[in-house]
Amino acid sequence: MVSRLEKLKIQLKWLHQAQFAGIYVAKEKGYFSSLGIDIQILEGGPNIDSDQQVLTGVADIGISLFDRLLVHRNQGLPLISIAQIVQTSTRGLVTKRSSDIDTPMKMKGKKIGTFGNTDSYQIQAFLREFHLKKHVDIIGQHSIDDFLNDIVDVGSITLYNELQQIFNTGIHPNALNIFLYESYGVGMVEDTLIVREDWLCKNYNLATRAVAAIIKGWQYAILHQSEATDIVMKYVDPLTTRKLQEKMLAIISNYISPPQLPLCNIGEFILLNLQHTADILYKYHIISKPANIQKAIDMTIVSCTKTT
């Protein structure tokens, strides 16, 4: 007799794309179902806040950014991370070399496009580092087309998505100035799996099985990138290209399993990186008091997945 599967909803923080390949692979390869989970993947987007989806119970697990988690905890919201997927910053800003905006200070008086709540704290830290916060015009960036069409002077990018879209138009890297937050000391760790603390207390075993499936999905996706891209293409908007998704997976894999974190340790917390994120948030007055990293994460979940 087949046991009844437990339903679980996971909220993506953006539209379907290879950034979430490990989750799609885990579903399509049966990793969730083999662990007793009936998974529903909820697509994100510019008007969907994954943290709020988790807080309100629309989703059980959400993909957030670690800096957002710390900001929300600073506000007293009962969220906690159960696995860290992307271990460093992948984000930054871009200008056209022809614009002569080749230093942060030359952004003064310019229009800067942002992704909204998906990159707000890294860009806040960057602008405060160079005392630009009151001297730039922040504009919601609907897509990288806003940068390409000069609606904004400075565009927001991730290395794995928007920057690749720019390259795919035929623009050469030498025609761009790229300002990575990591290079300026304000980069923060990114994709993290979050849940409500009370939900975790009641569903610890379910959370452990879900994380185990996601980690296994990412391990498979990184080792079998062509097949994983085939799976991703089942979910994405038909207007996107396989070339972009394949490149996205190749790049983001390097940040999910960097040299210091082999495949077998995907999802683990690198405390030094987490503390650096917390320190940046406090230094630039984005949070009102130092964050307690140990209370913001549950390190036991990933450890338990190794025996699941």
C-alpha atoms as a PDB file:
ATOM      1  CA  MET A   1       0.000   0.000   0.000  1.00  0.00           C
ATOM      2  CA  VAL A   2       1.341   3.437  -0.985  1.00  0.00           C
ATOM      3  CA  SER A   3       1.424   5.891   1.899  1.00  0.00           C
ATOM      4  CA  ARG A   4      -0.478   9.137   1.441  1.00  0.00           C
ATOM      5  CA  LEU A   5       1.823  11.954   0.368  1.00  0.00           C
ATOM      6  CA  GLU A   6       2.025  15.084   2.513  1.00  0.00           C
ATOM      7  CA  LYS A   7       1.279  18.278   0.615  1.00  0.00           C
ATOM      8  CA  LEU A   8       3.927  21.002   0.622  1.00  0.00           C
ATOM      9  CA  LYS A   9       4.009  24.364  -1.133  1.00  0.00           C
ATOM     10  CA  ILE A  10       7.281  26.098  -1.969  1.00  0.00           C
ATOM     11  CA  GLN A  11       7.289  29.723  -3.085  1.00  0.00           C
ATOM     12  CA  LEU A  12       9.912  30.805  -5.609  1.00  0.00           C
ATOM     13  CA  LYS A  13      11.144  34.369  -5.283  1.00  0.00           C
ATOM     14  CA  TRP A  14      11.080  35.038  -8.998  1.00  0.00           C
ATOM     15  CA  LEU A  15       9.695  33.750 -12.284  1.00  0.00           C
ATOM     16  CA  HIS A  16      10.420  30.182 -13.353  1.00  0.00           C
ATOM     17  CA  GLN A  17      14.045  29.954 -14.472  1.00  0.00           C
ATOM     18  CA  ALA A  18      17.206  27.878 -14.019  1.00  0.00           C
ATOM     19  CA  GLN A  19      17.924  29.729 -10.773  1.00  0.00           C
ATOM     20  CA  PHE A  20      15.561  27.134  -9.260  1.00  0.00           C
ATOM     21  CA  ALA A  21      16.658  24.132 -11.332  1.00  0.00           C
ATOM     22  CA  GLY A  22      17.312  21.934  -8.307  1.00  0.00           C
ATOM     23  CA  ILE A  23      13.683  22.193  -7.224  1.00  0.00           C
ATOM     24  CA  TYR A  24      12.296  21.310 -10.652  1.00  0.00           C
ATOM     25  CA  VAL A  25      14.721  18.394 -10.936  1.00  0.00           C
ATOM     26  CA  ALA A  26      13.718  17.147  -7.481  1.00  0.00           C
ATOM     27  CA  LYS A  27      10.075  17.133  -8.558  1.00  0.00           C
ATOM     28  CA  GLU A  28      10.560  15.612 -12.011  1.00  0.00           C
ATOM     29  CA  LYS A  29      13.003  12.919 -10.818  1.00  0.00           C
ATOM     30  CA  GLY A  30      10.642  11.897  -8.015  1.00  0.00           C
ATOM     31  CA  TYR A  31      12.867  12.955  -5.127  1.00  0.00           C
ATOM     32  CA  PHE A  32      10.011  14.695  -3.329  1.00  0.00           C
ATOM     33  CA  SER A  33       7.508  11.886  -3.845  1.00  0.00           C
ATOM     34  CA  SER A  34      10.015   9.225  -2.795  1.00  0.00           C
ATOM     35  CA  LEU A  35      10.263  11.057   0.519  1.00  0.00           C
ATOM     36  CA  GLY A  36       6.488  11.221   0.931  1.00  0.00           C
ATOM     37  CA  ILE A  37       5.946  14.766  -0.362  1.00  0.00           C
ATOM     38  CA  ASP A  38       3.380  16.045  -2.847  1.00  0.00           C
ATOM     39  CA  ILE A  39       5.150  19.247  -3.879  1.00  0.00           C
ATOM     40  CA  GLN A  40       3.522  22.319  -5.390  1.00  0.00           C
ATOM     41  CA  ILE A  41       5.915  24.920  -6.801  1.00  0.00           C
ATOM     42  CA  LEU A  42       4.516  28.465  -6.699  1.00  0.00           C
ATOM     43  CA  GLU A  43       5.961  30.858  -9.255  1.00  0.00           C
ATOM     44  CA  GLY A  44       7.206  34.209  -8.010  1.00  0.00           C
ATOM     45  CA  GLY A  45       7.357  37.557  -9.740  1.00  0.00           C
ATOM     46  CA  PRO A  46       7.757  41.296  -9.225  1.00  0.00           C
ATOM     47  CA  ASN A  47       4.546  41.577  -7.198  1.00  0.00           C
ATOM     48  CA  ILE A  48       5.028  38.459  -5.078  1.00  0.00           C
ATOM     49  CA  ASP A  49       6.920  38.640  -1.782  1.00  0.00           C
ATOM     50  CA  SER A  50       8.054  35.138  -0.839  1.00  0.00           C
ATOM     51  CA  ASP A  51       8.568  36.133   2.801  1.00  0.00           C
ATOM     52  CA  GLN A  52       4.970  37.348   3.068  1.00  0.00           C
ATOM     53  CA  GLN A  53       3.735  34.208   1.330  1.00  0.00           C
ATOM     54  CA  VAL A  54       5.377  32.145   4.062  1.00  0.00           C
ATOM     55  CA  LEU A  55       4.251  34.419   6.889  1.00  0.00           C
ATOM     56  CA  THR A  56       0.623  34.246   5.765  1.00  0.00           C
ATOM     57  CA  GLY A  57       0.682  30.491   5.211  1.00  0.00           C
ATOM     58  CA  VAL A  58       0.183  30.643   1.444  1.00  0.00           C
ATOM     59  CA  ALA A  59       3.466  28.731   1.171  1.00  0.00           C
ATOM     60  CA  ASP A  60       5.182  26.418   3.631  1.00  0.00           C
ATOM     61  CA  ILE A  61       8.736  27.072   2.418  1.00  0.00           C
ATOM     62  CA  GLY A  62       9.951  30.152   0.604  1.00  0.00           C
ATOM     63  CA  ILE A  63      13.067  31.103  -1.274  1.00  0.00           C
ATOM     64  CA  SER A  64      14.247  34.423   0.063  1.00  0.00           C
ATOM     65  CA  LEU A  65      17.506  36.332   0.355  1.00  0.00           C
ATOM     66  CA  PHE A  66      19.456  35.999   3.583  1.00  0.00           C
ATOM     67  CA  ASP A  67      19.649  39.776   4.031  1.00  0.00           C
ATOM     68  CA  ARG A  68      15.853  40.020   3.768  1.00  0.00           C
ATOM     69  CA  LEU A  69      15.499  37.294   6.376  1.00  0.00           C
ATOM     70  CA  LEU A  70      17.689  39.256   8.806  1.00  0.00           C
ATOM     71  CA  VAL A  71      15.800  42.493   8.148  1.00  0.00           C
ATOM     72  CA  HIS A  72      12.480  40.775   8.787  1.00  0.00           C
ATOM     73  CA  ARG A  73      13.769  39.148  11.952  1.00  0.00           C
ATOM     74  CA  ASN A  74      14.969  42.578  13.082  1.00  0.00           C
ATOM     75  CA  GLN A  75      11.354  43.675  12.643  1.00  0.00           C
ATOM     76  CA  GLY A  76      10.229  40.818  14.883  1.00  0.00           C
ATOM     77  CA  LEU A  77       8.889  38.517  12.181  1.00  0.00           C
ATOM     78  CA  PRO A  78       9.145  34.791  13.084  1.00  0.00           C
ATOM     79  CA  LEU A  79      11.078  33.526  10.063  1.00  0.00           C
ATOM     80  CA  ILE A  80      14.083  31.208  10.082  1.00  0.00           C
ATOM     81  CA  SER A  81      16.390  29.740   7.438  1.00  0.00           C
ATOM     82  CA  ILE A  82      16.687  25.966   7.133  1.00  0.00           C
ATOM     83  CA  ALA A  83      19.230  25.791   4.276  1.00  0.00           C
ATOM     84  CA  GLN A  84      21.493  28.190   2.402  1.00  0.00           C
ATOM     85  CA  ILE A  85      21.474  27.657  -1.357  1.00  0.00           C
ATOM     86  CA  VAL A  86      23.470  30.543  -2.898  1.00  0.00           C
ATOM     87  CA  GLN A  87      26.563  31.138  -0.800  1.00  0.00           C
ATOM     88  CA  THR A  88      27.722  34.605  -1.926  1.00  0.00           C
ATOM     89  CA  SER A  89      26.499  37.648  -3.832  1.00  0.00           C
ATOM     90  CA  THR A  90      25.794  37.359  -7.552  1.00  0.00           C
ATOM     91  CA  ARG A  91      24.482  40.894  -8.017  1.00  0.00           C
ATOM     92  CA  GLY A  92      25.637  44.308  -9.063  1.00  0.00           C
ATOM     93  CA  LEU A  93      25.107  47.287 -11.335  1.00  0.00           C
ATOM     94  CA  VAL A  94      26.012  47.898 -14.967  1.00  0.00           C
ATOM     95  CA  THR A  95      26.575  50.961 -17.137  1.00  0.00           C
ATOM     96  CA  LYS A  96      27.456  51.442 -20.771  1.00  0.00           C
ATOM     97  CA  ARG A  97      31.056  52.456 -21.272  1.00  0.00           C
ATOM     98  CA  SER A  98      29.829  55.119 -23.683  1.00  0.00           C
ATOM     99  CA  SER A  99      27.989  56.794 -20.787  1.00  0.00           C
ATOM    100  CA  ASP A 100      31.269  57.605 -19.012  1.00  0.00           C
ATOM    101  CA  ILE A 101      29.753  56.316 -15.742  1.00  0.00           C
ATOM    102  CA  ASP A 102      32.831  54.306 -14.834  1.00  0.00           C
ATOM    103  CA  THR A 103      33.002  54.887 -11.080  1.00  0.00           C
ATOM    104  CA  PRO A 104      30.333  54.766  -8.369  1.00  0.00           C
ATOM    105  CA  MET A 105      30.655  58.514  -7.783  1.00  0.00           C
ATOM    106  CA  LYS A 106      29.708  59.216 -11.393  1.00  0.00           C
ATOM    107  CA  MET A 107      26.308  57.659 -10.686  1.00  0.00           C
ATOM    108  CA  LYS A 108      25.387  60.869  -8.852  1.00  0.00           C
ATOM    109  CA  GLY A 109      22.319  62.429 -10.432  1.00  0.00           C
ATOM    110  CA  LYS A 110      21.651  59.350 -12.569  1.00  0.00           C
ATOM    111  CA  LYS A 111      18.671  57.014 -12.899  1.00  0.00           C
ATOM    112  CA  ILE A 112      19.332  53.619 -11.330  1.00  0.00           C
ATOM    113  CA  GLY A 113      17.082  50.663 -12.070  1.00  0.00           C
ATOM    114  CA  THR A 114      16.391  48.159  -9.284  1.00  0.00           C
ATOM    115  CA  PHE A 115      14.591  44.834  -8.961  1.00  0.00           C
ATOM    116  CA  GLY A 116      12.608  46.157  -6.015  1.00  0.00           C
ATOM    117  CA  ASN A 117      12.524  43.910  -2.951  1.00  0.00           C
ATOM    118  CA  THR A 118      14.807  41.273  -4.476  1.00  0.00           C
ATOM    119  CA  ASP A 119      17.956  43.401  -4.339  1.00  0.00           C
ATOM    120  CA  SER A 120      17.035  46.398  -2.201  1.00  0.00           C
ATOM    121  CA  TYR A 121      19.454  45.871   0.679  1.00  0.00           C
ATOM    122  CA  GLN A 122      22.591  45.240  -1.353  1.00  0.00           C
ATOM    123  CA  ILE A 123      21.968  48.347  -3.422  1.00  0.00           C
ATOM    124  CA  GLN A 124      21.137  50.338  -0.279  1.00  0.00           C
ATOM    125  CA  ALA A 125      24.487  49.375   1.232  1.00  0.00           C
ATOM    126  CA  PHE A 126      26.286  50.246  -2.013  1.00  0.00           C
ATOM    127  CA  LEU A 127      24.651  53.677  -2.263  1.00  0.00           C
ATOM    128  CA  ARG A 128      25.337  54.454   1.396  1.00  0.00           C
ATOM    129  CA  GLU A 129      28.965  53.372   1.063  1.00  0.00           C
ATOM    130  CA  PHE A 130      29.440  56.067  -1.583  1.00  0.00           C
ATOM    131  CA  HIS A 131      27.034  58.604  -0.011  1.00  0.00           C
ATOM    132  CA  LEU A 132      24.795  58.449  -3.067  1.00  0.00           C
ATOM    133  CA  LYS A 133      21.472  57.558  -1.476  1.00  0.00           C
ATOM    134  CA  LYS A 134      20.058  61.099  -1.679  1.00  0.00           C
ATOM    135  CA  HIS A 135      21.669  61.895  -5.003  1.00  0.00           C
ATOM    136  CA  VAL A 136      20.283  59.263  -7.386  1.00  0.00           C
ATOM    137  CA  ASP A 137      16.881  58.569  -8.894  1.00  0.00           C
ATOM    138  CA  ILE A 138      15.791  55.004  -8.073  1.00  0.00           C
ATOM    139  CA  ILE A 139      13.464  53.505 -10.681  1.00  0.00           C
ATOM    140  CA  GLY A 140      11.789  50.098 -10.732  1.00  0.00           C
ATOM    141  CA  GLN A 141      13.469  48.040 -13.447  1.00  0.00           C
ATOM    142  CA  HIS A 142      10.888  45.909 -15.237  1.00  0.00           C
ATOM    143  CA  SER A 143      13.493  44.084 -17.297  1.00  0.00           C
ATOM    144  CA  ILE A 144      17.007  44.574 -18.600  1.00  0.00           C
ATOM    145  CA  ASP A 145      15.377  46.272 -21.601  1.00  0.00           C
ATOM    146  CA  ASP A 146      15.063  49.377 -19.419  1.00  0.00           C
ATOM    147  CA  PHE A 147      18.859  49.551 -19.378  1.00  0.00           C
ATOM    148  CA  LEU A 148      19.317  48.599 -23.016  1.00  0.00           C
ATOM    149  CA  ASN A 149      16.804  51.266 -24.101  1.00  0.00           C
ATOM    150  CA  ASP A 150      18.349  53.964 -21.855  1.00  0.00           C
ATOM    151  CA  ILE A 151      15.291  54.323 -19.634  1.00  0.00           C
ATOM    152  CA  VAL A 152      17.786  53.970 -16.784  1.00  0.00           C
ATOM    153  CA  ASP A 153      21.447  55.006 -16.831  1.00  0.00           C
ATOM    154  CA  VAL A 154      22.480  52.251 -14.447  1.00  0.00           C
ATOM    155  CA  GLY A 155      20.943  48.786 -14.570  1.00  0.00           C
ATOM    156  CA  SER A 156      20.688  46.111 -11.901  1.00  0.00           C
ATOM    157  CA  ILE A 157      22.053  42.698 -12.845  1.00  0.00           C
ATOM    158  CA  THR A 158      22.680  39.215 -11.633  1.00  0.00           C
ATOM    159  CA  LEU A 159      25.668  37.479 -13.152  1.00  0.00           C
ATOM    160  CA  TYR A 160      23.541  34.521 -14.205  1.00  0.00           C
ATOM    161  CA  ASN A 161      20.547  36.297 -15.761  1.00  0.00           C
ATOM    162  CA  GLU A 162      20.439  39.972 -16.756  1.00  0.00           C
ATOM    163  CA  LEU A 163      24.141  40.193 -17.594  1.00  0.00           C
ATOM    164  CA  GLN A 164      23.788  37.171 -19.874  1.00  0.00           C
ATOM    165  CA  GLN A 165      20.752  38.765 -21.521  1.00  0.00           C
ATOM    166  CA  ILE A 166      22.882  41.817 -22.296  1.00  0.00           C
ATOM    167  CA  PHE A 167      25.608  39.652 -23.813  1.00  0.00           C
ATOM    168  CA  ASN A 168      22.995  37.790 -25.870  1.00  0.00           C
ATOM    169  CA  THR A 169      22.109  41.051 -27.647  1.00  0.00           C
ATOM    170  CA  GLY A 170      25.644  41.130 -29.027  1.00  0.00           C
ATOM    171  CA  ILE A 171      27.050  43.706 -26.616  1.00  0.00           C
ATOM    172  CA  HIS A 172      30.679  42.894 -25.797  1.00  0.00           C
ATOM    173  CA  PRO A 173      31.817  42.857 -22.143  1.00  0.00           C
ATOM    174  CA  ASN A 174      34.345  45.567 -23.015  1.00  0.00           C
ATOM    175  CA  ALA A 175      31.445  47.891 -23.826  1.00  0.00           C
ATOM    176  CA  LEU A 176      30.231  47.733 -20.225  1.00  0.00           C
ATOM    177  CA  ASN A 177      31.253  48.884 -16.767  1.00  0.00           C
ATOM    178  CA  ILE A 178      30.246  46.259 -14.208  1.00  0.00           C
ATOM    179  CA  PHE A 179      30.041  47.077 -10.499  1.00  0.00           C
ATOM    180  CA  LEU A 180      29.671  43.872  -8.490  1.00  0.00           C
ATOM    181  CA  TYR A 181      28.563  44.429  -4.906  1.00  0.00           C
ATOM    182  CA  GLU A 182      31.010  41.751  -3.779  1.00  0.00           C
ATOM    183  CA  SER A 183      33.901  43.759  -5.254  1.00  0.00           C
ATOM    184  CA  TYR A 184      32.929  46.799  -3.182  1.00  0.00           C
ATOM    185  CA  GLY A 185      32.595  44.941   0.113  1.00  0.00           C
ATOM    186  CA  VAL A 186      28.802  45.134   0.287  1.00  0.00           C
ATOM    187  CA  GLY A 187      27.873  41.808  -1.305  1.00  0.00           C
ATOM    188  CA  MET A 188      25.561  39.611   0.763  1.00  0.00           C
ATOM    189  CA  VAL A 189      24.663  35.928   0.571  1.00  0.00           C
ATOM    190  CA  GLU A 190      21.519  35.289  -1.379  1.00  0.00           C
ATOM    191  CA  ASP A 191      19.016  32.458  -1.942  1.00  0.00           C
ATOM    192  CA  THR A 192      18.031  30.827   1.324  1.00  0.00           C
ATOM    193  CA  LEU A 193      15.143  28.514   2.275  1.00  0.00           C
ATOM    194  CA  ILE A 194      12.874  30.062   4.890  1.00  0.00           C
ATOM    195  CA  VAL A 195       9.952  28.858   6.997  1.00  0.00           C
ATOM    196  CA  ARG A 196       7.911  30.182   9.897  1.00  0.00           C
ATOM    197  CA  GLU A 197       9.325  29.149  13.247  1.00  0.00           C
ATOM    198  CA  ASP A 198       6.006  27.786  14.496  1.00  0.00           C
ATOM    199  CA  TRP A 199       5.531  25.787  11.281  1.00  0.00           C
ATOM    200  CA  LEU A 200       8.995  24.275  11.676  1.00  0.00           C
ATOM    201  CA  CYS A 201       8.237  23.175  15.234  1.00  0.00           C
ATOM    202  CA  LYS A 202       5.193  21.257  13.999  1.00  0.00           C
ATOM    203  CA  ASN A 203       6.684  20.003  10.718  1.00  0.00           C
ATOM    204  CA  TYR A 204      10.356  19.365  11.424  1.00  0.00           C
ATOM    205  CA  ASN A 205      10.398  15.958   9.757  1.00  0.00           C
ATOM    206  CA  LEU A 206       8.571  17.255   6.681  1.00  0.00           C
ATOM    207  CA  ALA A 207      10.995  20.177   6.421  1.00  0.00           C
ATOM    208  CA  THR A 208      13.952  17.810   6.649  1.00  0.00           C
ATOM    209  CA  ARG A 209      12.600  15.613   3.874  1.00  0.00           C
ATOM    210  CA  ALA A 210      11.876  18.638   1.677  1.00  0.00           C
ATOM    211  CA  VAL A 211      15.390  20.020   2.105  1.00  0.00           C
ATOM    212  CA  ALA A 212      16.842  16.568   1.415  1.00  0.00           C
ATOM    213  CA  ALA A 213      14.929  16.416  -1.879  1.00  0.00           C
ATOM    214  CA  ILE A 214      16.002  19.936  -2.888  1.00  0.00           C
ATOM    215  CA  ILE A 215      19.663  19.265  -2.093  1.00  0.00           C
ATOM    216  CA  LYS A 216      19.550  16.013  -4.061  1.00  0.00           C
ATOM    217  CA  GLY A 217      17.887  17.877  -6.912  1.00  0.00           C
ATOM    218  CA  TRP A 218      20.656  20.457  -6.980  1.00  0.00           C
ATOM    219  CA  GLN A 219      23.369  17.823  -6.813  1.00  0.00           C
ATOM    220  CA  TYR A 220      21.852  16.082  -9.834  1.00  0.00           C
ATOM    221  CA  ALA A 221      21.262  19.336 -11.712  1.00  0.00           C
ATOM    222  CA  ILE A 222      24.867  20.453 -11.308  1.00  0.00           C
ATOM    223  CA  LEU A 223      26.237  17.095 -12.449  1.00  0.00           C
ATOM    224  CA  HIS A 224      23.779  16.730 -15.364  1.00  0.00           C
ATOM    225  CA  GLN A 225      23.290  20.278 -16.590  1.00  0.00           C
ATOM    226  CA  SER A 226      22.002  19.477 -20.071  1.00  0.00           C
ATOM    227  CA  GLU A 227      19.299  17.173 -18.710  1.00  0.00           C
ATOM    228  CA  ALA A 228      18.493  19.655 -15.956  1.00  0.00           C
ATOM    229  CA  THR A 229      18.042  22.386 -18.556  1.00  0.00           C
ATOM    230  CA  ASP A 230      15.596  20.120 -20.406  1.00  0.00           C
ATOM    231  CA  ILE A 231      13.586  19.955 -17.190  1.00  0.00           C
ATOM    232  CA  VAL A 232      13.804  23.716 -16.609  1.00  0.00           C
ATOM    233  CA  MET A 233      12.407  24.339 -20.092  1.00  0.00           C
ATOM    234  CA  LYS A 234       9.171  22.589 -19.065  1.00  0.00           C
ATOM    235  CA  TYR A 235       8.520  25.387 -16.569  1.00  0.00           C
ATOM    236  CA  VAL A 236       9.830  28.608 -18.105  1.00  0.00           C
ATOM    237  CA  ASP A 237       8.053  31.172 -20.251  1.00  0.00           C
ATOM    238  CA  PRO A 238       8.078  30.028 -23.904  1.00  0.00           C
ATOM    239  CA  LEU A 239       9.703  33.334 -24.868  1.00  0.00           C
ATOM    240  CA  THR A 240      12.912  32.530 -23.017  1.00  0.00           C
ATOM    241  CA  THR A 241      15.711  30.565 -24.675  1.00  0.00           C
ATOM    242  CA  ARG A 242      17.437  27.344 -23.821  1.00  0.00           C
ATOM    243  CA  LYS A 243      20.774  29.095 -24.343  1.00  0.00           C
ATOM    244  CA  LEU A 244      20.012  31.578 -21.560  1.00  0.00           C
ATOM    245  CA  GLN A 245      18.723  28.918 -19.154  1.00  0.00           C
ATOM    246  CA  GLU A 246      21.706  26.655 -19.791  1.00  0.00           C
ATOM    247  CA  LYS A 247      24.131  29.520 -19.157  1.00  0.00           C
ATOM    248  CA  MET A 248      22.186  30.562 -16.069  1.00  0.00           C
ATOM    249  CA  LEU A 249      22.461  27.076 -14.594  1.00  0.00           C
ATOM    250  CA  ALA A 250      26.180  26.854 -15.361  1.00  0.00           C
ATOM    251  CA  ILE A 251      26.895  30.167 -13.629  1.00  0.00           C
ATOM    252  CA  ILE A 252      24.662  29.833 -10.578  1.00  0.00           C
ATOM    253  CA  SER A 253      26.025  26.328  -9.937  1.00  0.00           C
ATOM    254  CA  ASN A 254      29.363  27.946  -9.095  1.00  0.00           C
ATOM    255  CA  TYR A 255      27.701  29.927  -6.311  1.00  0.00           C
ATOM    256  CA  ILE A 256      25.677  27.001  -4.966  1.00  0.00           C
ATOM    257  CA  SER A 257      28.665  24.677  -4.826  1.00  0.00           C
ATOM    258  CA  PRO A 258      31.748  26.947  -4.723  1.00  0.00           C
ATOM    259  CA  PRO A 259      35.250  25.446  -4.310  1.00  0.00           C
ATOM    260  CA  GLN A 260      35.036  25.568  -0.513  1.00  0.00           C
ATOM    261  CA  LEU A 261      31.661  23.773  -0.506  1.00  0.00           C
ATOM    262  CA  PRO A 262      31.648  20.472  -2.444  1.00  0.00           C
ATOM    263  CA  LEU A 263      28.466  18.933  -3.841  1.00  0.00           C
ATOM    264  CA  CYS A 264      27.956  16.745  -0.788  1.00  0.00           C
ATOM    265  CA  ASN A 265      27.691  19.881   1.376  1.00  0.00           C
ATOM    266  CA  ILE A 266      25.195  21.886  -0.682  1.00  0.00           C
ATOM    267  CA  GLY A 267      22.762  23.746   1.562  1.00  0.00           C
ATOM    268  CA  GLU A 268      25.129  24.115   4.500  1.00  0.00           C
ATOM    269  CA  PHE A 269      25.651  27.445   6.224  1.00  0.00           C
ATOM    270  CA  ILE A 270      29.043  29.157   5.865  1.00  0.00           C
ATOM    271  CA  LEU A 271      28.899  31.162   9.070  1.00  0.00           C
ATOM    272  CA  LEU A 272      31.611  33.626   8.053  1.00  0.00           C
ATOM    273  CA  ASN A 273      29.574  34.646   4.999  1.00  0.00           C
ATOM    274  CA  LEU A 274      26.371  34.939   7.013  1.00  0.00           C
ATOM    275  CA  GLN A 275      28.067  37.095   9.634  1.00  0.00           C
ATOM    276  CA  HIS A 276      29.486  39.336   6.909  1.00  0.00           C
ATOM    277  CA  THR A 277      25.953  39.880   5.628  1.00  0.00           C
ATOM    278  CA  ALA A 278      24.740  40.709   9.131  1.00  0.00           C
ATOM    279  CA  ASP A 279      27.630  43.121   9.677  1.00  0.00           C
ATOM    280  CA  ILE A 280      26.892  44.992   6.436  1.00  0.00           C
ATOM    281  CA  LEU A 281      23.218  45.389   7.345  1.00  0.00           C
ATOM    282  CA  TYR A 282      24.118  46.823  10.745  1.00  0.00           C
ATOM    283  CA  LYS A 283      26.978  49.014   9.492  1.00  0.00           C
ATOM    284  CA  TYR A 284      24.723  50.771   6.996  1.00  0.00           C
ATOM    285  CA  HIS A 285      21.823  51.098   9.466  1.00  0.00           C
ATOM    286  CA  ILE A 286      19.549  48.747   7.551  1.00  0.00           C
ATOM    287  CA  ILE A 287      18.901  46.838  10.782  1.00  0.00           C
ATOM    288  CA  SER A 288      18.714  48.583  14.153  1.00  0.00           C
ATOM    289  CA  LYS A 289      20.762  46.091  16.176  1.00  0.00           C
ATOM    290  CA  PRO A 290      23.367  43.389  15.469  1.00  0.00           C
ATOM    291  CA  ALA A 291      21.749  40.229  14.134  1.00  0.00           C
ATOM    292  CA  ASN A 292      22.072  36.958  16.034  1.00  0.00           C
ATOM    293  CA  ILE A 293      23.011  34.580  13.234  1.00  0.00           C
ATOM    294  CA  GLN A 294      22.602  31.448  15.336  1.00  0.00           C
ATOM    295  CA  LYS A 295      18.963  32.294  16.019  1.00  0.00           C
ATOM    296  CA  ALA A 296      18.268  33.114  12.370  1.00  0.00           C
ATOM    297  CA  ILE A 297      19.179  29.635  11.117  1.00  0.00           C
ATOM    298  CA  ASP A 298      18.517  26.010  11.982  1.00  0.00           C
ATOM    299  CA  MET A 299      21.679  24.102  11.140  1.00  0.00           C
ATOM    300  CA  THR A 300      20.253  20.741  12.174  1.00  0.00           C
ATOM    301  CA  ILE A 301      17.977  20.337   9.146  1.00  0.00           C
ATOM    302  CA  VAL A 302      20.769  20.008   6.586  1.00  0.00           C
ATOM    303  CA  SER A 303      22.678  17.714   8.954  1.00  0.00           C
ATOM    304  CA  CYS A 304      19.637  15.460   9.255  1.00  0.00           C
ATOM    305  CA  THR A 305      19.266  15.248   5.463  1.00  0.00           C
ATOM    306  CA  LYS A 306      22.478  13.253   5.295  1.00  0.00           C
ATOM    307  CA  THR A 307      20.676  10.369   7.011  1.00  0.00           C
ATOM    308  CA  THR A 308      17.306  10.839   5.266  1.00  0.00           C
END
